[in-house]
Amino acid sequence: MNTLIEREQMKFVINNRTFDTDTSQTVAISRGARTPENPWDDDFPAQSVRYENVLYRTAKGALFVHYHKTMKFDRGKPVVDDSAQEVTPEEAISWIQMNLAAVIDPTGLTLPPEA
């Protein structure tokens, strides 16, 4: 159970296996926001997008990323999107580096040497 950060429990079925954020350890976190002035791409219909993507490790050692984003538009209610993807240890390290994620618990990962 994650005692560091309070989150809503989510379960995902990936490759016929259940991944549960409540019973998994937080490995790394990437948070941020995008606006029309700082979009991911040219097609940016939302007024803003806030995201929190979390890399988890299950009790059996499997790794998965929970992608969570909240999109706000000029009209209407915010739209929330949650998805997950299983990753290998090598993919997890690459994900951490590409997303400038804060590492909480690197157990089982071979990270580059510290500066």
Protein backbone atom coordinates (compact mmCIF):
# COMPACT_ATOMS: atom_id res chain seq x y z
CA MET A 1 0.00 0.00 0.00
CA ASN A 2 1.26 3.48 -0.82
CA THR A 3 1.57 5.51 2.36
CA LEU A 4 3.54 8.34 0.76
CA ILE A 5 0.79 9.65 -1.50
CA GLU A 6 -2.98 9.29 -1.16
CA ARG A 7 -4.61 8.23 -4.44
CA GLU A 8 -7.79 6.59 -5.56
CA GLN A 9 -7.38 2.84 -5.98
CA MET A 10 -7.46 1.69 -9.59
CA LYS A 11 -7.27 -1.77 -11.13
CA PHE A 12 -6.30 -2.51 -14.72
CA VAL A 13 -6.35 -5.77 -16.64
CA ILE A 14 -3.31 -6.01 -18.92
CA ASN A 15 -2.37 -9.21 -20.77
CA ASN A 16 -4.99 -11.13 -18.73
CA ARG A 17 -3.41 -10.07 -15.42
CA THR A 18 -4.79 -7.60 -12.89
CA PHE A 19 -2.60 -4.66 -11.86
CA ASP A 20 -3.77 -2.84 -8.71
CA THR A 21 -2.41 0.58 -7.74
CA ASP A 22 -3.51 0.06 -4.12
CA THR A 23 -1.39 -3.04 -3.54
CA SER A 24 1.62 -1.90 -5.61
CA GLN A 25 4.60 0.24 -4.60
CA THR A 26 5.20 3.65 -6.16
CA VAL A 27 8.51 3.60 -8.05
CA ALA A 28 8.47 7.00 -9.82
CA ILE A 29 6.13 9.93 -10.51
CA SER A 30 5.85 12.41 -13.38
CA ARG A 31 3.44 15.34 -13.01
CA GLY A 32 2.71 18.44 -15.01
CA ALA A 33 0.34 20.50 -17.10
CA ARG A 34 -0.04 21.45 -20.72
CA THR A 35 -1.70 24.57 -22.07
CA PRO A 36 -2.22 25.89 -25.61
CA GLU A 37 1.02 27.85 -25.16
CA ASN A 38 2.88 24.62 -24.30
CA PRO A 39 1.05 21.81 -26.19
CA TRP A 40 2.11 18.24 -26.91
CA ASP A 41 1.28 18.76 -30.56
CA ASP A 42 -0.43 21.18 -32.97
CA ASP A 43 -3.87 19.58 -32.47
CA PHE A 44 -4.66 20.76 -28.93
CA PRO A 45 -8.44 21.04 -28.40
CA ALA A 46 -8.37 21.23 -24.59
CA GLN A 47 -7.94 24.49 -22.72
CA SER A 48 -5.52 22.71 -20.39
CA VAL A 49 -4.41 19.21 -19.44
CA ARG A 50 -3.08 18.22 -16.04
CA TYR A 51 -1.38 14.84 -15.77
CA GLU A 52 0.09 12.53 -13.18
CA ASN A 53 1.76 9.40 -14.48
CA VAL A 54 3.00 6.88 -11.92
CA LEU A 55 5.32 3.92 -12.34
CA TYR A 56 4.37 1.07 -9.98
CA ARG A 57 5.92 -2.27 -8.94
CA THR A 58 3.58 -5.11 -7.96
CA ALA A 59 4.28 -7.47 -5.07
CA LYS A 60 5.50 -10.03 -7.63
CA GLY A 61 7.87 -7.51 -9.22
CA ALA A 62 5.97 -6.61 -12.40
CA LEU A 63 6.17 -2.95 -13.45
CA PHE A 64 3.37 -0.82 -14.90
CA VAL A 65 2.68 2.84 -15.59
CA HIS A 66 -0.67 4.38 -14.64
CA TYR A 67 -1.39 7.33 -16.94
CA HIS A 68 -3.90 9.81 -15.49
CA LYS A 69 -4.90 13.08 -17.15
CA THR A 70 -7.64 15.64 -16.65
CA MET A 71 -8.57 17.70 -19.70
CA LYS A 72 -10.43 21.00 -19.31
CA PHE A 73 -12.29 22.54 -22.22
CA ASP A 74 -13.85 25.98 -22.70
CA ARG A 75 -17.30 24.49 -22.13
CA GLY A 76 -18.50 21.51 -20.16
CA LYS A 77 -17.08 19.42 -17.37
CA PRO A 78 -13.46 18.23 -17.18
CA VAL A 79 -12.75 14.90 -18.87
CA VAL A 80 -10.64 12.38 -16.96
CA ASP A 81 -8.69 9.63 -18.72
CA ASP A 82 -6.98 6.71 -16.98
CA SER A 83 -5.00 3.96 -18.65
CA ALA A 84 -2.11 1.65 -17.82
CA GLN A 85 0.70 -0.14 -19.58
CA GLU A 86 2.97 -2.93 -18.38
CA VAL A 87 6.68 -2.15 -18.88
CA THR A 88 9.96 -4.05 -18.60
CA PRO A 89 12.70 -2.79 -16.24
CA GLU A 90 14.55 -1.35 -19.26
CA GLU A 91 11.41 0.42 -20.47
CA ALA A 92 10.82 1.71 -16.93
CA ILE A 93 14.29 3.30 -16.82
CA SER A 94 13.73 4.86 -20.23
CA TRP A 95 10.29 6.14 -19.09
CA ILE A 96 11.87 7.71 -15.97
CA GLN A 97 14.51 9.47 -18.08
CA MET A 98 12.17 10.66 -20.84
CA ASN A 99 9.58 12.00 -18.38
CA LEU A 100 12.08 13.46 -15.89
CA ALA A 101 10.20 11.45 -13.27
CA ALA A 102 10.99 11.70 -9.57
CA VAL A 103 12.23 8.29 -8.39
CA ILE A 104 10.69 7.22 -5.09
CA ASP A 105 11.87 3.58 -4.84
CA PRO A 106 14.38 2.27 -7.41
CA THR A 107 14.41 -1.29 -6.03
CA GLY A 108 15.04 -3.74 -8.86
CA LEU A 109 16.03 -1.10 -11.40
CA THR A 110 19.57 -0.51 -12.64
CA LEU A 111 19.67 3.27 -12.73
CA PRO A 112 22.61 5.26 -14.13
CA PRO A 113 25.22 6.34 -11.57
CA GLU A 114 24.46 9.41 -9.47
CA ALA A 115 26.00 12.74 -10.41
